[in-house]
């Protein structure tokens, strides 16, 4: 149970990291277009 919660916690941070990465990629893409 404890390891499962740790895995879920790790997955949450992993998805959060990719969400921020996607945001910066889109932002830089808009800056290049502008």
Protein backbone atom coordinates (compact mmCIF):
# COMPACT_ATOMS: atom_id res chain seq x y z
CA UNK A 1 0.00 0.00 0.00
CA UNK A 2 2.78 2.39 0.95
CA UNK A 3 4.81 1.62 -2.19
CA UNK A 4 1.68 2.10 -4.31
CA UNK A 5 1.11 5.55 -2.81
CA UNK A 6 4.75 6.40 -3.47
CA UNK A 7 4.36 5.28 -7.07
CA UNK A 8 1.21 7.40 -7.46
CA UNK A 9 3.04 10.37 -5.92
CA UNK A 10 5.94 9.89 -8.35
CA UNK A 11 3.53 9.63 -11.30
CA UNK A 12 1.86 12.90 -10.23
CA UNK A 13 5.17 14.77 -10.22
CA UNK A 14 6.14 13.14 -13.52
CA UNK A 15 2.95 14.34 -15.22
CA UNK A 16 3.35 17.77 -13.61
CA UNK A 17 6.89 18.00 -15.00
CA UNK A 18 5.68 17.17 -18.51
CA UNK A 19 2.80 19.64 -18.18
CA UNK A 20 5.28 22.44 -17.37
CA UNK A 21 7.58 21.24 -20.16
CA UNK A 22 4.70 21.35 -22.66
CA UNK A 23 3.77 24.84 -21.46
CA UNK A 24 7.30 26.15 -22.04
CA UNK A 25 7.51 24.48 -25.46
CA UNK A 26 4.25 26.13 -26.57
CA UNK A 27 5.35 29.47 -25.08
CA UNK A 28 8.70 29.42 -26.89
CA UNK A 29 6.91 28.36 -30.10
CA UNK A 30 4.62 31.41 -29.84
CA UNK A 31 7.61 33.68 -29.16
CA UNK A 32 9.35 32.35 -32.30
CA UNK A 33 6.21 32.94 -34.38
CA UNK A 34 5.78 36.45 -32.97
